[in-house]
Amino acid sequence: MGVRYRSSLCISLALLLLFLLICVPSAAVIAEVTNGTLLESRNEGELIQYTMEVSGIPKQTRIIEMTTDLMPVPGTSLWQPEVSGFMVSGGDAALNDHKIELTEDGEFPDAINVTVSGRVPVLTSVEIVDGVVVTKRITQTTGYVYYRIQALDENRDILGSGTTETFSVKIPDDEQFTARLNAVTDPDLRALIDDLYSRGLRDEANDLLEYAEAPKESTLPVTMAILVSVVLLVGGFGAGMVFGQMRAKNMQEFQKEYKGD
């Protein structure tokens, strides 16, 4: 009786293992970059193009979902699938969306090639506040996605674990400014310049930084530095109604062209 029970249990376990081997999809979708280099950090607005081969696609896959944080560039599609036999949800117009879905009535091939052409997000923008040019910046600089790929079944359930590649965004002007600011020996003056810069008053901060960098016979007293900054701010709010609007308009037009709007 015990032998029969153990034999029955072994058969049941074997059948369960066989069922799992047949029904459970592969562990992960794989994306291998075949053309281009995906660096850990990129300058804002930088143009990027790379080609990847997507493999390890489970047999049950009916939808391949792909996402990127790169921005589309005029004149070229953000996504460029290089294989036929499947459809893109939303048609060609969807090829500039941050997320696209490739669908297949039958089975996807063992591997598909996709080229991605886009621009790194621009984190800085320019606005006019009471006639003063104010530079604003998105605080998030990490966790941006080159690609995120997931395989879905006919019920839109995720198959396997998918794959993701991320990057961070650098702002060269900020890095250069920080390096110059750290060289200022007067801690109070350095803090004052940093405060102006962090508030988006970049031109005023740069003017004061240039003064701090200029060779002098005697050091500017901190109280005088504060007075200078106040004068710069007042001057900005006054004369900026004319010159600030002109400068901001030019900067906004450049930024609009830079972003490809």
Protein backbone atom coordinates (compact mmCIF):
# COMPACT_ATOMS: atom_id res chain seq x y z
CA MET A 1 0.00 0.00 0.00
CA GLY A 2 2.82 2.40 0.93
CA VAL A 3 4.76 1.52 -2.23
CA ARG A 4 1.70 2.18 -4.39
CA TYR A 5 1.14 5.53 -2.65
CA ARG A 6 4.74 6.59 -3.17
CA SER A 7 4.60 5.54 -6.84
CA SER A 8 1.40 7.53 -7.33
CA LEU A 9 2.99 10.57 -5.64
CA CYS A 10 6.09 10.35 -7.85
CA ILE A 11 3.95 10.14 -10.97
CA SER A 12 1.93 13.18 -9.87
CA LEU A 13 5.07 15.20 -9.19
CA ALA A 14 6.53 14.19 -12.56
CA LEU A 15 3.34 15.25 -14.36
CA LEU A 16 3.35 18.58 -12.47
CA LEU A 17 6.98 19.21 -13.42
CA LEU A 18 6.24 18.39 -17.06
CA PHE A 19 3.26 20.78 -16.99
CA LEU A 20 5.44 23.57 -15.61
CA LEU A 21 8.13 22.98 -18.20
CA ILE A 22 5.56 23.17 -21.01
CA CYS A 23 3.47 26.08 -19.76
CA VAL A 24 5.89 28.39 -18.00
CA PRO A 25 7.47 30.89 -20.44
CA SER A 26 11.20 31.59 -20.66
CA ALA A 27 12.70 33.48 -17.73
CA ALA A 28 13.47 36.77 -19.48
CA VAL A 29 13.30 38.68 -22.72
CA ILE A 30 16.81 39.62 -23.87
CA ALA A 31 17.83 42.84 -25.66
CA GLU A 32 21.33 42.95 -27.11
CA VAL A 33 22.60 46.22 -28.61
CA THR A 34 24.13 45.42 -31.99
CA ASN A 35 24.84 48.97 -33.15
CA GLY A 36 25.54 51.99 -30.95
CA THR A 37 26.59 52.39 -27.32
CA LEU A 38 24.31 52.91 -24.33
CA LEU A 39 26.28 55.00 -21.82
CA GLU A 40 25.27 55.31 -18.17
CA SER A 41 24.85 59.10 -18.49
CA ARG A 42 24.06 61.46 -21.37
CA ASN A 43 23.98 65.22 -21.88
CA GLU A 44 20.51 66.74 -22.07
CA GLY A 45 19.34 67.11 -25.67
CA GLU A 46 21.98 64.71 -27.00
CA LEU A 47 21.05 62.75 -30.13
CA ILE A 48 21.11 58.95 -29.76
CA GLN A 49 20.63 56.11 -32.20
CA TYR A 50 21.07 52.41 -31.49
CA THR A 51 19.87 49.06 -32.81
CA MET A 52 18.96 46.15 -30.58
CA GLU A 53 18.13 42.51 -31.18
CA VAL A 54 15.25 41.32 -29.02
CA SER A 55 15.27 37.57 -28.36
CA GLY A 56 14.12 35.09 -25.72
CA ILE A 57 10.51 35.81 -26.75
CA PRO A 58 8.14 33.27 -25.12
CA LYS A 59 6.04 31.19 -27.52
CA GLN A 60 2.83 32.44 -25.89
CA THR A 61 3.67 36.07 -26.73
CA ARG A 62 1.00 37.98 -28.63
CA ILE A 63 2.17 41.50 -27.77
CA ILE A 64 5.65 42.96 -27.32
CA GLU A 65 5.48 46.22 -25.37
CA MET A 66 8.43 48.62 -25.74
CA THR A 67 8.94 51.91 -23.86
CA THR A 68 11.58 54.66 -24.00
CA ASP A 69 12.11 58.10 -22.43
CA LEU A 70 13.97 59.38 -25.48
CA MET A 71 12.23 62.21 -27.35
CA PRO A 72 11.30 61.91 -31.05
CA VAL A 73 13.34 63.92 -33.57
CA PRO A 74 11.69 65.60 -36.59
CA GLY A 75 12.31 63.76 -39.83
CA THR A 76 12.79 60.26 -38.39
CA SER A 77 10.70 57.77 -36.43
CA LEU A 78 11.53 57.16 -32.80
CA TRP A 79 10.95 53.41 -33.29
CA GLN A 80 12.05 51.58 -36.44
CA PRO A 81 11.20 47.85 -36.29
CA GLU A 82 13.21 45.93 -38.89
CA VAL A 83 11.06 42.86 -39.34
CA SER A 84 7.77 42.18 -41.09
CA GLY A 85 4.91 39.86 -40.23
CA PHE A 86 3.46 41.79 -37.29
CA MET A 87 1.56 45.01 -36.73
CA VAL A 88 2.22 48.15 -34.69
CA SER A 89 -0.82 49.15 -32.64
CA GLY A 90 -1.89 52.58 -33.85
CA GLY A 91 -0.04 52.26 -37.16
CA ASP A 92 2.91 54.35 -38.34
CA ALA A 93 1.73 57.37 -36.31
CA ALA A 94 2.47 55.40 -33.13
CA LEU A 95 6.14 54.98 -34.04
CA ASN A 96 6.85 58.35 -32.38
CA ASP A 97 5.08 57.43 -29.13
CA HIS A 98 7.09 56.74 -26.00
CA LYS A 99 5.40 53.34 -25.76
CA ILE A 100 4.50 51.09 -28.68
CA GLU A 101 3.02 47.61 -28.98
CA LEU A 102 3.94 45.05 -31.61
CA THR A 103 1.16 42.50 -32.14
CA GLU A 104 1.19 39.10 -33.84
CA ASP A 105 -1.70 36.74 -34.65
CA GLY A 106 0.57 33.72 -34.79
CA GLU A 107 4.02 33.40 -33.24
CA PHE A 108 6.76 36.01 -33.13
CA PRO A 109 10.09 34.99 -34.68
CA ASP A 110 12.93 33.93 -32.40
CA ALA A 111 14.43 37.44 -32.61
CA ILE A 112 13.47 40.87 -33.95
CA ASN A 113 15.64 43.93 -34.63
CA VAL A 114 14.56 47.42 -33.64
CA THR A 115 16.37 50.72 -34.21
CA VAL A 116 15.68 53.63 -31.82
CA SER A 117 16.51 57.20 -32.88
CA GLY A 118 15.79 60.02 -30.43
CA ARG A 119 17.02 62.80 -28.22
CA VAL A 120 17.81 62.83 -24.50
CA PRO A 121 15.14 64.80 -22.56
CA VAL A 122 15.89 68.51 -22.04
CA LEU A 123 15.52 69.30 -18.33
CA THR A 124 15.92 73.10 -18.46
CA SER A 125 13.41 75.69 -19.60
CA VAL A 126 13.26 79.49 -19.63
CA GLU A 127 10.41 81.69 -18.37
CA ILE A 128 9.88 85.41 -17.76
CA VAL A 129 8.74 86.31 -14.24
CA ASP A 130 8.00 90.02 -13.77
CA GLY A 131 10.40 90.84 -16.56
CA VAL A 132 13.24 88.72 -15.15
CA VAL A 133 14.63 85.72 -17.01
CA VAL A 134 14.21 82.65 -14.78
CA THR A 135 15.73 79.29 -15.72
CA LYS A 136 13.82 76.29 -14.39
CA ARG A 137 15.00 72.71 -14.28
CA ILE A 138 13.36 69.32 -13.79
CA THR A 139 14.95 67.91 -10.66
CA GLN A 140 14.90 64.27 -11.77
CA THR A 141 18.22 63.41 -13.43
CA THR A 142 18.31 59.61 -13.00
CA GLY A 143 16.13 56.65 -13.88
CA TYR A 144 15.44 57.57 -17.52
CA VAL A 145 14.81 54.60 -19.80
CA TYR A 146 16.67 53.72 -22.99
CA TYR A 147 14.21 50.87 -23.36
CA ARG A 148 11.84 48.71 -21.34
CA ILE A 149 10.60 45.59 -23.10
CA GLN A 150 7.89 43.18 -21.92
CA ALA A 151 6.20 40.21 -23.56
CA LEU A 152 2.43 39.88 -23.02
CA ASP A 153 0.03 37.04 -23.74
CA GLU A 154 -3.41 37.33 -25.35
CA ASN A 155 -4.87 38.45 -22.00
CA ARG A 156 -2.14 41.12 -21.63
CA ASP A 157 -0.55 39.21 -18.75
CA ILE A 158 3.24 39.63 -18.51
CA LEU A 159 5.31 36.67 -19.66
CA GLY A 160 8.74 36.29 -18.10
CA SER A 161 10.56 39.20 -16.49
CA GLY A 162 11.18 41.60 -19.38
CA THR A 163 14.29 43.75 -19.69
CA THR A 164 15.19 47.40 -18.97
CA GLU A 165 18.18 49.68 -19.60
CA THR A 166 18.36 53.10 -17.88
CA PHE A 167 20.52 56.24 -17.98
CA SER A 168 21.00 59.53 -16.16
CA VAL A 169 20.92 63.02 -17.68
CA LYS A 170 23.77 65.50 -17.28
CA ILE A 171 23.50 69.28 -17.68
CA PRO A 172 26.93 70.49 -18.85
CA ASP A 173 26.26 74.13 -17.89
CA ASP A 174 25.48 73.08 -14.31
CA GLU A 175 28.65 71.01 -14.04
CA GLN A 176 30.81 73.85 -15.35
CA PHE A 177 29.12 76.36 -13.05
CA THR A 178 29.57 74.07 -10.02
CA ALA A 179 33.27 73.65 -10.77
CA ARG A 180 33.74 77.42 -10.99
CA LEU A 181 31.63 78.03 -7.88
CA ASN A 182 33.67 75.57 -5.81
CA ALA A 183 36.77 77.61 -6.59
CA VAL A 184 35.34 80.71 -4.86
CA THR A 185 37.16 81.02 -1.55
CA ASP A 186 34.69 83.28 0.27
CA PRO A 187 32.05 80.89 1.74
CA ASP A 188 29.41 83.62 2.20
CA LEU A 189 29.81 84.89 -1.34
CA ARG A 190 29.81 81.32 -2.64
CA ALA A 191 26.54 80.58 -0.81
CA LEU A 192 24.99 83.77 -2.17
CA ILE A 193 25.90 82.89 -5.76
CA ASP A 194 24.63 79.35 -5.30
CA ASP A 195 21.32 80.64 -3.93
CA LEU A 196 20.81 82.92 -6.95
CA TYR A 197 21.63 80.06 -9.30
CA SER A 198 19.32 77.59 -7.57
CA ARG A 199 16.44 80.10 -7.81
CA GLY A 200 16.86 80.18 -11.57
CA LEU A 201 18.52 83.61 -11.71
CA ARG A 202 21.36 82.21 -13.79
CA ASP A 203 22.47 85.46 -15.41
CA GLU A 204 22.65 87.30 -12.09
CA ALA A 205 24.54 84.39 -10.52
CA ASN A 206 27.00 84.30 -13.42
CA ASP A 207 27.56 88.07 -13.19
CA LEU A 208 28.40 87.79 -9.51
CA LEU A 209 30.54 84.69 -10.12
CA GLU A 210 32.52 86.52 -12.80
CA TYR A 211 33.11 89.33 -10.31
CA ALA A 212 34.29 86.81 -7.71
CA GLU A 213 36.67 85.28 -10.26
CA ALA A 214 38.10 88.60 -11.41
CA PRO A 215 41.52 89.53 -9.92
CA LYS A 216 41.27 92.31 -7.34
CA GLU A 217 43.68 94.30 -5.23
CA SER A 218 41.43 93.89 -2.22
CA THR A 219 38.72 91.39 -1.44
CA LEU A 220 35.14 92.53 -1.77
CA PRO A 221 33.49 92.58 1.70
CA VAL A 222 30.58 90.21 2.13
CA THR A 223 28.21 93.08 2.90
CA MET A 224 29.22 94.72 -0.36
CA ALA A 225 28.65 91.43 -2.21
CA ILE A 226 25.16 91.25 -0.78
CA LEU A 227 24.56 94.85 -1.83
CA VAL A 228 25.78 94.06 -5.33
CA SER A 229 23.42 91.08 -5.57
CA VAL A 230 20.48 93.21 -4.42
CA VAL A 231 21.35 95.83 -7.04
CA LEU A 232 21.53 93.10 -9.66
CA LEU A 233 18.12 91.77 -8.63
CA VAL A 234 16.51 95.21 -8.54
CA GLY A 235 18.10 96.06 -11.85
CA GLY A 236 16.84 92.79 -13.24
CA PHE A 237 13.28 93.48 -12.19
CA GLY A 238 13.43 97.00 -13.59
CA ALA A 239 15.48 97.00 -16.75
CA GLY A 240 14.61 93.35 -17.30
CA MET A 241 11.14 94.37 -18.44
CA VAL A 242 12.81 95.44 -21.68
CA PHE A 243 16.06 93.52 -22.02
CA GLY A 244 14.89 90.44 -20.12
CA GLN A 245 11.91 89.89 -22.40
CA MET A 246 14.07 90.22 -25.50
CA ARG A 247 16.67 87.82 -24.11
CA ALA A 248 14.08 85.30 -22.90
CA LYS A 249 12.28 85.35 -26.24
CA ASN A 250 15.51 84.49 -28.02
CA MET A 251 16.32 81.76 -25.49
CA GLN A 252 12.82 80.27 -25.77
CA GLU A 253 13.00 80.22 -29.56
CA PHE A 254 16.39 78.50 -29.37
CA GLN A 255 15.08 75.99 -26.85
CA LYS A 256 12.02 75.27 -29.00
CA GLU A 257 14.25 74.56 -31.97
CA TYR A 258 16.62 72.58 -29.72
CA LYS A 259 13.81 70.32 -28.56
CA GLY A 260 12.59 69.86 -32.13
CA ASP A 261 9.12 71.28 -31.45
